[in-house]
Amino acid sequence: MKKITLLAFLLLSAIIKAQTYAIYTEDTSIGAGLTHLRFSNGQAFSLSEPTTAPYEGTQNYLLTYNGSSSYFHAIFLPRNSSNTSDVTIDLSAYSYYNISLKTSSPTPFYLRMRGNGITAKVLIDPASNSYGFTNDNQWHFMSIPFADFIPESASFSLALITEVLVLRSNVTGTIVGTVNDFEFDNVYASVSEVLSNKTYSLQNFTVYPNPTQGQFNITTNEELTVVIYDMVGKIILNQKSIKGTHHFDISNFSNGLYLITLTKNKEKQTYKLLKN
């Protein structure tokens, strides 16, 4: 029985890893992929790799804005395993681009890739909470469909990626005098949308297990208001206040995605929960 259990675990691990491709992450559950990136400073940034408060693991990248350029532009190119040359990678088997970002910059920006010599980009606007992202200088995880990246021409190809992460402001001449430092971490491609299991807008709470078959817990060391919505916006549970560990049961509701809104004073965090 133990051998069967171990075999099943190894098979499940292999399946999970086959559905992801590492770009910049220390998460060992992410499958094969890149171990090195090369930074090309297009404009206005210097790069460092701090070891304090990353999204996951022990390090993350920090792009520090020079404070005077009218636009910013950072390019990261995939490298071979020995870190001796740039390579072209194939992401055509995947559907989502996953990244954790942290900034207080008010500037809307593009995340871009270059494939087959053609750029494709998606706009991230902190003011409109694009993909759950905002500029509160806290970590936010985004799972962005590759289909949302708009190519400059039909020649763009996910099978021929030469620039795997590009950060570019969408305006020029109006960013001087603002703080435009960016941190990023946990970058990888995946077959399916990834539900965030971390949040830093409100500190020191956990929601588990996720996914759930109907019963789950929220543990917090501070008093929070909890509201649970279905995906059409209907409130299915309104728990005025919790502290410590609180048990929830949505077994009687349909399988699918639910949104948990946690609020303390004016701080609010929306968390995705999958019931299966």
C-alpha atoms as a PDB file:
ATOM      1  CA  MET A   1       0.000   0.000   0.000  1.00  0.00           C
ATOM      2  CA  LYS A   2       2.803   2.404   0.850  1.00  0.00           C
ATOM      3  CA  LYS A   3       4.475   1.702  -2.498  1.00  0.00           C
ATOM      4  CA  ILE A   4       1.219   2.378  -4.335  1.00  0.00           C
ATOM      5  CA  THR A   5       0.716   5.607  -2.391  1.00  0.00           C
ATOM      6  CA  LEU A   6       4.262   6.736  -3.147  1.00  0.00           C
ATOM      7  CA  LEU A   7       3.858   5.872  -6.825  1.00  0.00           C
ATOM      8  CA  ALA A   8       0.616   7.824  -7.000  1.00  0.00           C
ATOM      9  CA  PHE A   9       2.279  10.799  -5.306  1.00  0.00           C
ATOM     10  CA  LEU A  10       5.216  10.729  -7.725  1.00  0.00           C
ATOM     11  CA  LEU A  11       2.864  10.443 -10.693  1.00  0.00           C
ATOM     12  CA  LEU A  12       0.788  13.387  -9.452  1.00  0.00           C
ATOM     13  CA  SER A  13       3.948  15.450  -8.930  1.00  0.00           C
ATOM     14  CA  ALA A  14       5.107  14.659 -12.463  1.00  0.00           C
ATOM     15  CA  ILE A  15       1.732  15.680 -13.902  1.00  0.00           C
ATOM     16  CA  ILE A  16       1.741  18.981 -11.988  1.00  0.00           C
ATOM     17  CA  LYS A  17       5.299  19.792 -13.080  1.00  0.00           C
ATOM     18  CA  ALA A  18       4.496  18.972 -16.714  1.00  0.00           C
ATOM     19  CA  GLN A  19       1.801  21.653 -16.585  1.00  0.00           C
ATOM     20  CA  THR A  20       4.176  24.454 -15.593  1.00  0.00           C
ATOM     21  CA  TYR A  21       7.388  26.012 -16.907  1.00  0.00           C
ATOM     22  CA  ALA A  22       9.756  27.927 -14.631  1.00  0.00           C
ATOM     23  CA  ILE A  23      10.957  31.395 -15.659  1.00  0.00           C
ATOM     24  CA  TYR A  24      12.070  32.950 -12.354  1.00  0.00           C
ATOM     25  CA  THR A  25      11.021  31.004  -9.270  1.00  0.00           C
ATOM     26  CA  GLU A  26      12.407  28.997  -6.382  1.00  0.00           C
ATOM     27  CA  ASP A  27       9.196  27.003  -6.004  1.00  0.00           C
ATOM     28  CA  THR A  28      10.235  23.353  -6.323  1.00  0.00           C
ATOM     29  CA  SER A  29       6.715  22.340  -7.385  1.00  0.00           C
ATOM     30  CA  ILE A  30       7.217  24.242 -10.652  1.00  0.00           C
ATOM     31  CA  GLY A  31       8.452  22.026 -13.460  1.00  0.00           C
ATOM     32  CA  ALA A  32      11.532  22.254 -15.627  1.00  0.00           C
ATOM     33  CA  GLY A  33      12.388  25.518 -17.307  1.00  0.00           C
ATOM     34  CA  LEU A  34      14.862  28.318 -16.952  1.00  0.00           C
ATOM     35  CA  THR A  35      17.514  28.628 -14.290  1.00  0.00           C
ATOM     36  CA  HIS A  36      18.993  31.906 -15.571  1.00  0.00           C
ATOM     37  CA  LEU A  37      17.847  35.209 -17.039  1.00  0.00           C
ATOM     38  CA  ARG A  38      19.919  38.025 -18.543  1.00  0.00           C
ATOM     39  CA  PHE A  39      18.930  41.576 -17.654  1.00  0.00           C
ATOM     40  CA  SER A  40      19.085  44.174 -20.413  1.00  0.00           C
ATOM     41  CA  ASN A  41      18.461  47.690 -19.145  1.00  0.00           C
ATOM     42  CA  GLY A  42      16.383  49.272 -21.867  1.00  0.00           C
ATOM     43  CA  GLN A  43      15.996  52.493 -19.894  1.00  0.00           C
ATOM     44  CA  ALA A  44      16.015  53.914 -16.370  1.00  0.00           C
ATOM     45  CA  PHE A  45      16.479  50.812 -14.177  1.00  0.00           C
ATOM     46  CA  SER A  46      19.244  49.206 -12.171  1.00  0.00           C
ATOM     47  CA  LEU A  47      18.819  45.608 -11.031  1.00  0.00           C
ATOM     48  CA  SER A  48      19.460  43.948  -7.683  1.00  0.00           C
ATOM     49  CA  GLU A  49      18.381  40.684  -6.052  1.00  0.00           C
ATOM     50  CA  PRO A  50      17.498  41.381  -2.411  1.00  0.00           C
ATOM     51  CA  THR A  51      16.959  38.657   0.166  1.00  0.00           C
ATOM     52  CA  THR A  52      14.385  40.459   2.316  1.00  0.00           C
ATOM     53  CA  ALA A  53      10.643  39.798   2.065  1.00  0.00           C
ATOM     54  CA  PRO A  54      10.422  38.009  -1.310  1.00  0.00           C
ATOM     55  CA  TYR A  55       7.087  36.606  -2.474  1.00  0.00           C
ATOM     56  CA  GLU A  56       8.490  33.077  -2.204  1.00  0.00           C
ATOM     57  CA  GLY A  57      11.875  31.497  -1.615  1.00  0.00           C
ATOM     58  CA  THR A  58      14.789  33.636  -0.464  1.00  0.00           C
ATOM     59  CA  GLN A  59      15.296  36.126  -3.316  1.00  0.00           C
ATOM     60  CA  ASN A  60      13.452  38.314  -5.782  1.00  0.00           C
ATOM     61  CA  TYR A  61      14.388  40.895  -8.403  1.00  0.00           C
ATOM     62  CA  LEU A  62      14.263  44.623  -7.620  1.00  0.00           C
ATOM     63  CA  LEU A  63      14.230  47.173 -10.449  1.00  0.00           C
ATOM     64  CA  THR A  64      15.251  50.596  -9.094  1.00  0.00           C
ATOM     65  CA  TYR A  65      14.182  53.605 -11.146  1.00  0.00           C
ATOM     66  CA  ASN A  66      16.777  56.350 -11.689  1.00  0.00           C
ATOM     67  CA  GLY A  67      14.268  59.124 -11.016  1.00  0.00           C
ATOM     68  CA  SER A  68      14.966  61.204 -14.098  1.00  0.00           C
ATOM     69  CA  SER A  69      14.105  59.237 -17.226  1.00  0.00           C
ATOM     70  CA  SER A  70      10.864  60.018 -19.050  1.00  0.00           C
ATOM     71  CA  TYR A  71      10.081  56.296 -19.429  1.00  0.00           C
ATOM     72  CA  PHE A  72      11.207  52.948 -18.054  1.00  0.00           C
ATOM     73  CA  HIS A  73      12.021  49.748 -19.865  1.00  0.00           C
ATOM     74  CA  ALA A  74      13.556  46.497 -18.567  1.00  0.00           C
ATOM     75  CA  ILE A  75      14.182  43.356 -20.628  1.00  0.00           C
ATOM     76  CA  PHE A  76      14.944  39.843 -19.405  1.00  0.00           C
ATOM     77  CA  LEU A  77      16.205  37.228 -21.837  1.00  0.00           C
ATOM     78  CA  PRO A  78      16.212  33.451 -21.271  1.00  0.00           C
ATOM     79  CA  ARG A  79      19.625  31.784 -20.851  1.00  0.00           C
ATOM     80  CA  ASN A  80      20.912  28.238 -21.187  1.00  0.00           C
ATOM     81  CA  SER A  81      21.497  26.078 -18.107  1.00  0.00           C
ATOM     82  CA  SER A  82      25.191  26.998 -17.939  1.00  0.00           C
ATOM     83  CA  ASN A  83      24.345  30.719 -18.217  1.00  0.00           C
ATOM     84  CA  THR A  84      26.718  31.201 -21.142  1.00  0.00           C
ATOM     85  CA  SER A  85      24.353  32.282 -23.923  1.00  0.00           C
ATOM     86  CA  ASP A  86      20.833  33.471 -24.652  1.00  0.00           C
ATOM     87  CA  VAL A  87      18.344  30.885 -25.879  1.00  0.00           C
ATOM     88  CA  THR A  88      14.954  30.718 -27.557  1.00  0.00           C
ATOM     89  CA  ILE A  89      12.246  28.970 -25.530  1.00  0.00           C
ATOM     90  CA  ASP A  90       8.928  27.381 -26.458  1.00  0.00           C
ATOM     91  CA  LEU A  91       5.891  28.370 -24.359  1.00  0.00           C
ATOM     92  CA  SER A  92       3.285  27.262 -26.904  1.00  0.00           C
ATOM     93  CA  ALA A  93       2.082  24.395 -24.687  1.00  0.00           C
ATOM     94  CA  TYR A  94       0.994  26.835 -21.957  1.00  0.00           C
ATOM     95  CA  SER A  95      -1.922  29.230 -21.604  1.00  0.00           C
ATOM     96  CA  TYR A  96      -1.125  31.481 -18.629  1.00  0.00           C
ATOM     97  CA  TYR A  97       1.678  33.841 -17.641  1.00  0.00           C
ATOM     98  CA  ASN A  98       2.069  33.965 -13.855  1.00  0.00           C
ATOM     99  CA  ILE A  99       3.957  36.682 -12.003  1.00  0.00           C
ATOM    100  CA  SER A 100       4.082  38.316  -8.573  1.00  0.00           C
ATOM    101  CA  LEU A 101       4.669  42.072  -8.614  1.00  0.00           C
ATOM    102  CA  LYS A 102       5.133  44.743  -5.972  1.00  0.00           C
ATOM    103  CA  THR A 103       5.308  48.502  -6.524  1.00  0.00           C
ATOM    104  CA  SER A 104       3.962  51.874  -5.418  1.00  0.00           C
ATOM    105  CA  SER A 105       4.363  53.289  -8.931  1.00  0.00           C
ATOM    106  CA  PRO A 106       1.270  55.127 -10.225  1.00  0.00           C
ATOM    107  CA  THR A 107       2.368  54.496 -13.821  1.00  0.00           C
ATOM    108  CA  PRO A 108       0.412  52.042 -15.998  1.00  0.00           C
ATOM    109  CA  PHE A 109       2.830  49.652 -17.679  1.00  0.00           C
ATOM    110  CA  TYR A 110       3.052  46.853 -20.179  1.00  0.00           C
ATOM    111  CA  LEU A 111       4.203  43.330 -19.590  1.00  0.00           C
ATOM    112  CA  ARG A 112       5.663  42.207 -22.896  1.00  0.00           C
ATOM    113  CA  MET A 113       7.249  39.222 -24.580  1.00  0.00           C
ATOM    114  CA  ARG A 114       9.060  38.912 -27.887  1.00  0.00           C
ATOM    115  CA  GLY A 115       8.508  35.838 -30.018  1.00  0.00           C
ATOM    116  CA  ASN A 116       9.737  35.278 -33.560  1.00  0.00           C
ATOM    117  CA  GLY A 117      11.016  38.860 -33.489  1.00  0.00           C
ATOM    118  CA  ILE A 118       7.528  40.268 -32.772  1.00  0.00           C
ATOM    119  CA  THR A 119       6.364  41.906 -29.532  1.00  0.00           C
ATOM    120  CA  ALA A 120       3.134  40.989 -27.723  1.00  0.00           C
ATOM    121  CA  LYS A 121       1.977  42.996 -24.705  1.00  0.00           C
ATOM    122  CA  VAL A 122      -0.685  43.293 -22.046  1.00  0.00           C
ATOM    123  CA  LEU A 123      -1.466  46.528 -20.172  1.00  0.00           C
ATOM    124  CA  ILE A 124      -1.394  46.501 -16.366  1.00  0.00           C
ATOM    125  CA  ASP A 125      -3.109  49.550 -14.884  1.00  0.00           C
ATOM    126  CA  PRO A 126      -2.977  49.859 -11.077  1.00  0.00           C
ATOM    127  CA  ALA A 127      -5.910  52.283 -11.123  1.00  0.00           C
ATOM    128  CA  SER A 128      -8.242  49.712 -12.677  1.00  0.00           C
ATOM    129  CA  ASN A 129      -7.020  46.768 -10.581  1.00  0.00           C
ATOM    130  CA  SER A 130      -5.908  44.835 -13.682  1.00  0.00           C
ATOM    131  CA  TYR A 131      -5.769  41.094 -12.947  1.00  0.00           C
ATOM    132  CA  GLY A 132      -6.096  41.854  -9.227  1.00  0.00           C
ATOM    133  CA  PHE A 133      -2.997  44.074  -9.226  1.00  0.00           C
ATOM    134  CA  THR A 134      -2.725  47.415  -7.441  1.00  0.00           C
ATOM    135  CA  ASN A 135       0.115  49.765  -6.511  1.00  0.00           C
ATOM    136  CA  ASP A 136      -0.056  49.518  -2.703  1.00  0.00           C
ATOM    137  CA  ASN A 137       3.587  48.377  -2.410  1.00  0.00           C
ATOM    138  CA  GLN A 138       2.443  44.876  -1.446  1.00  0.00           C
ATOM    139  CA  TRP A 139       2.897  41.618  -3.333  1.00  0.00           C
ATOM    140  CA  HIS A 140       0.159  40.748  -5.822  1.00  0.00           C
ATOM    141  CA  PHE A 141       0.037  37.538  -7.830  1.00  0.00           C
ATOM    142  CA  MET A 142      -1.391  37.643 -11.362  1.00  0.00           C
ATOM    143  CA  SER A 143      -2.319  34.739 -13.627  1.00  0.00           C
ATOM    144  CA  ILE A 144      -2.657  36.347 -17.074  1.00  0.00           C
ATOM    145  CA  PRO A 145      -3.937  34.477 -20.148  1.00  0.00           C
ATOM    146  CA  PHE A 146      -1.435  34.465 -22.989  1.00  0.00           C
ATOM    147  CA  ALA A 147      -4.453  35.256 -25.156  1.00  0.00           C
ATOM    148  CA  ASP A 148      -4.591  38.700 -23.525  1.00  0.00           C
ATOM    149  CA  PHE A 149      -1.126  39.605 -24.832  1.00  0.00           C
ATOM    150  CA  ILE A 150      -1.788  41.650 -27.967  1.00  0.00           C
ATOM    151  CA  PRO A 151       0.782  40.951 -30.714  1.00  0.00           C
ATOM    152  CA  GLU A 152       2.111  43.607 -33.073  1.00  0.00           C
ATOM    153  CA  SER A 153       1.541  41.216 -35.956  1.00  0.00           C
ATOM    154  CA  ALA A 154       0.299  37.706 -36.635  1.00  0.00           C
ATOM    155  CA  SER A 155       3.930  36.546 -36.896  1.00  0.00           C
ATOM    156  CA  PHE A 156       4.281  36.531 -33.112  1.00  0.00           C
ATOM    157  CA  SER A 157       4.972  33.004 -31.853  1.00  0.00           C
ATOM    158  CA  LEU A 158       4.945  31.576 -28.326  1.00  0.00           C
ATOM    159  CA  ALA A 159       7.131  28.794 -29.691  1.00  0.00           C
ATOM    160  CA  LEU A 160      10.006  31.233 -30.389  1.00  0.00           C
ATOM    161  CA  ILE A 161      10.324  33.430 -27.290  1.00  0.00           C
ATOM    162  CA  THR A 162      13.577  35.418 -27.059  1.00  0.00           C
ATOM    163  CA  GLU A 163      12.464  38.062 -24.505  1.00  0.00           C
ATOM    164  CA  VAL A 164      10.548  36.304 -21.758  1.00  0.00           C
ATOM    165  CA  LEU A 165       9.832  39.246 -19.438  1.00  0.00           C
ATOM    166  CA  VAL A 166       9.726  42.904 -20.468  1.00  0.00           C
ATOM    167  CA  LEU A 167       8.468  45.756 -18.286  1.00  0.00           C
ATOM    168  CA  ARG A 168       7.720  48.999 -20.151  1.00  0.00           C
ATOM    169  CA  SER A 169       5.860  52.162 -19.113  1.00  0.00           C
ATOM    170  CA  ASN A 170       2.997  53.023 -21.443  1.00  0.00           C
ATOM    171  CA  VAL A 171       3.607  56.775 -21.271  1.00  0.00           C
ATOM    172  CA  THR A 172       6.613  59.064 -21.698  1.00  0.00           C
ATOM    173  CA  GLY A 173       7.369  62.441 -20.193  1.00  0.00           C
ATOM    174  CA  THR A 174       5.023  62.159 -17.201  1.00  0.00           C
ATOM    175  CA  ILE A 175       6.740  59.745 -14.828  1.00  0.00           C
ATOM    176  CA  VAL A 176       9.627  61.920 -13.613  1.00  0.00           C
ATOM    177  CA  GLY A 177       9.179  62.789  -9.951  1.00  0.00           C
ATOM    178  CA  THR A 178       7.216  59.631  -9.135  1.00  0.00           C
ATOM    179  CA  VAL A 179       8.453  56.454  -7.461  1.00  0.00           C
ATOM    180  CA  ASN A 180       8.738  53.724 -10.093  1.00  0.00           C
ATOM    181  CA  ASP A 181      10.635  50.908  -8.382  1.00  0.00           C
ATOM    182  CA  PHE A 182       9.346  47.405  -9.114  1.00  0.00           C
ATOM    183  CA  GLU A 183       9.914  44.033  -7.471  1.00  0.00           C
ATOM    184  CA  PHE A 184       8.956  40.748  -9.087  1.00  0.00           C
ATOM    185  CA  ASP A 185       9.126  37.087  -8.165  1.00  0.00           C
ATOM    186  CA  ASN A 186       7.609  33.641  -8.866  1.00  0.00           C
ATOM    187  CA  VAL A 187       7.373  33.964 -12.655  1.00  0.00           C
ATOM    188  CA  TYR A 188       6.286  30.889 -14.610  1.00  0.00           C
ATOM    189  CA  ALA A 189       3.991  29.658 -17.369  1.00  0.00           C
ATOM    190  CA  SER A 190       1.132  27.232 -16.717  1.00  0.00           C
ATOM    191  CA  VAL A 191      -1.471  25.257 -18.606  1.00  0.00           C
ATOM    192  CA  SER A 192      -4.296  26.423 -16.333  1.00  0.00           C
ATOM    193  CA  GLU A 193      -5.092  29.594 -14.411  1.00  0.00           C
ATOM    194  CA  VAL A 194      -3.357  29.623 -11.045  1.00  0.00           C
ATOM    195  CA  LEU A 195      -5.300  30.710  -7.988  1.00  0.00           C
ATOM    196  CA  SER A 196      -3.263  32.834  -5.626  1.00  0.00           C
ATOM    197  CA  ASN A 197      -2.706  31.260  -2.221  1.00  0.00           C
ATOM    198  CA  LYS A 198      -0.834  34.232  -0.810  1.00  0.00           C
ATOM    199  CA  THR A 199      -1.724  37.800  -0.023  1.00  0.00           C
ATOM    200  CA  TYR A 200       0.058  40.699   1.604  1.00  0.00           C
ATOM    201  CA  SER A 201      -2.496  43.515   1.569  1.00  0.00           C
ATOM    202  CA  LEU A 202      -3.734  42.238   4.912  1.00  0.00           C
ATOM    203  CA  GLN A 203      -1.069  40.484   6.913  1.00  0.00           C
ATOM    204  CA  ASN A 204      -0.985  37.267   8.911  1.00  0.00           C
ATOM    205  CA  PHE A 205      -3.912  35.201   7.744  1.00  0.00           C
ATOM    206  CA  THR A 206      -4.316  31.933   5.852  1.00  0.00           C
ATOM    207  CA  VAL A 207      -7.169  30.289   3.954  1.00  0.00           C
ATOM    208  CA  TYR A 208      -6.934  26.491   3.735  1.00  0.00           C
ATOM    209  CA  PRO A 209      -7.368  24.058   2.110  1.00  0.00           C
ATOM    210  CA  ASN A 210      -7.598  25.539  -1.381  1.00  0.00           C
ATOM    211  CA  PRO A 211      -9.010  23.861  -3.447  1.00  0.00           C
ATOM    212  CA  THR A 212     -11.657  22.595  -1.041  1.00  0.00           C
ATOM    213  CA  GLN A 213     -14.479  20.064  -1.232  1.00  0.00           C
ATOM    214  CA  GLY A 214     -16.640  22.451   0.751  1.00  0.00           C
ATOM    215  CA  GLN A 215     -15.110  22.890   4.194  1.00  0.00           C
ATOM    216  CA  PHE A 216     -12.211  25.252   4.835  1.00  0.00           C
ATOM    217  CA  ASN A 217     -10.677  27.438   7.528  1.00  0.00           C
ATOM    218  CA  ILE A 218      -9.522  31.013   7.831  1.00  0.00           C
ATOM    219  CA  THR A 219      -6.905  31.685  10.496  1.00  0.00           C
ATOM    220  CA  THR A 220      -6.030  35.249  11.456  1.00  0.00           C
ATOM    221  CA  ASN A 221      -4.414  37.005  14.402  1.00  0.00           C
ATOM    222  CA  GLU A 222      -6.437  40.175  13.809  1.00  0.00           C
ATOM    223  CA  GLU A 223     -10.143  40.893  13.573  1.00  0.00           C
ATOM    224  CA  LEU A 224     -11.436  40.656   9.989  1.00  0.00           C
ATOM    225  CA  THR A 225     -14.828  40.916   8.312  1.00  0.00           C
ATOM    226  CA  VAL A 226     -15.471  38.054   5.883  1.00  0.00           C
ATOM    227  CA  VAL A 227     -17.890  38.000   2.951  1.00  0.00           C
ATOM    228  CA  ILE A 228     -18.056  35.134   0.416  1.00  0.00           C
ATOM    229  CA  TYR A 229     -19.456  35.695  -3.086  1.00  0.00           C
ATOM    230  CA  ASP A 230     -20.195  33.390  -5.980  1.00  0.00           C
ATOM    231  CA  MET A 231     -18.845  34.337  -9.420  1.00  0.00           C
ATOM    232  CA  VAL A 232     -21.967  36.292 -10.362  1.00  0.00           C
ATOM    233  CA  GLY A 233     -21.540  38.521  -7.331  1.00  0.00           C
ATOM    234  CA  LYS A 234     -24.207  37.011  -5.070  1.00  0.00           C
ATOM    235  CA  ILE A 235     -23.346  36.929  -1.367  1.00  0.00           C
ATOM    236  CA  ILE A 236     -23.540  33.345  -0.126  1.00  0.00           C
ATOM    237  CA  LEU A 237     -22.099  33.974   3.333  1.00  0.00           C
ATOM    238  CA  ASN A 238     -21.613  37.111   5.390  1.00  0.00           C
ATOM    239  CA  GLN A 239     -19.544  36.564   8.529  1.00  0.00           C
ATOM    240  CA  LYS A 240     -19.347  39.912  10.271  1.00  0.00           C
ATOM    241  CA  SER A 241     -16.151  39.369  12.219  1.00  0.00           C
ATOM    242  CA  ILE A 242     -13.627  36.620  12.913  1.00  0.00           C
ATOM    243  CA  LYS A 243     -10.386  36.255  14.811  1.00  0.00           C
ATOM    244  CA  GLY A 244      -8.288  33.160  15.404  1.00  0.00           C
ATOM    245  CA  THR A 245      -9.344  30.076  13.424  1.00  0.00           C
ATOM    246  CA  HIS A 246     -12.843  30.021  11.978  1.00  0.00           C
ATOM    247  CA  HIS A 247     -14.412  27.071  10.123  1.00  0.00           C
ATOM    248  CA  PHE A 248     -16.547  27.608   7.008  1.00  0.00           C
ATOM    249  CA  ASP A 249     -18.775  25.181   5.148  1.00  0.00           C
ATOM    250  CA  ILE A 250     -19.977  25.765   1.569  1.00  0.00           C
ATOM    251  CA  SER A 251     -20.671  22.067   0.864  1.00  0.00           C
ATOM    252  CA  ASN A 252     -24.247  22.809  -0.172  1.00  0.00           C
ATOM    253  CA  PHE A 253     -23.147  25.174  -2.937  1.00  0.00           C
ATOM    254  CA  SER A 254     -22.142  24.277  -6.489  1.00  0.00           C
ATOM    255  CA  ASN A 255     -18.568  23.478  -7.472  1.00  0.00           C
ATOM    256  CA  GLY A 256     -16.607  26.348  -8.982  1.00  0.00           C
ATOM    257  CA  LEU A 257     -14.816  29.551  -8.056  1.00  0.00           C
ATOM    258  CA  TYR A 258     -15.797  31.716  -5.099  1.00  0.00           C
ATOM    259  CA  LEU A 259     -14.476  35.077  -3.959  1.00  0.00           C
ATOM    260  CA  ILE A 260     -13.626  35.682  -0.311  1.00  0.00           C
ATOM    261  CA  THR A 261     -13.428  39.351   0.652  1.00  0.00           C
ATOM    262  CA  LEU A 262     -11.506  40.067   3.854  1.00  0.00           C
ATOM    263  CA  THR A 263     -11.744  43.561   5.283  1.00  0.00           C
ATOM    264  CA  LYS A 264     -10.080  45.401   8.154  1.00  0.00           C
ATOM    265  CA  ASN A 265     -10.843  49.099   8.472  1.00  0.00           C
ATOM    266  CA  LYS A 266     -10.246  50.409   4.931  1.00  0.00           C
ATOM    267  CA  GLU A 267      -7.980  47.563   3.853  1.00  0.00           C
ATOM    268  CA  LYS A 268      -9.598  44.939   1.664  1.00  0.00           C
ATOM    269  CA  GLN A 269      -8.304  41.757   0.022  1.00  0.00           C
ATOM    270  CA  THR A 270     -10.195  39.523  -2.400  1.00  0.00           C
ATOM    271  CA  TYR A 271      -9.097  35.899  -2.440  1.00  0.00           C
ATOM    272  CA  LYS A 272     -10.097  33.183  -4.932  1.00  0.00           C
ATOM    273  CA  LEU A 273     -11.290  29.849  -3.542  1.00  0.00           C
ATOM    274  CA  LEU A 274     -11.928  26.797  -5.704  1.00  0.00           C
ATOM    275  CA  LYS A 275     -14.577  24.246  -4.642  1.00  0.00           C
ATOM    276  CA  ASN A 276     -14.368  20.914  -6.448  1.00  0.00           C
END
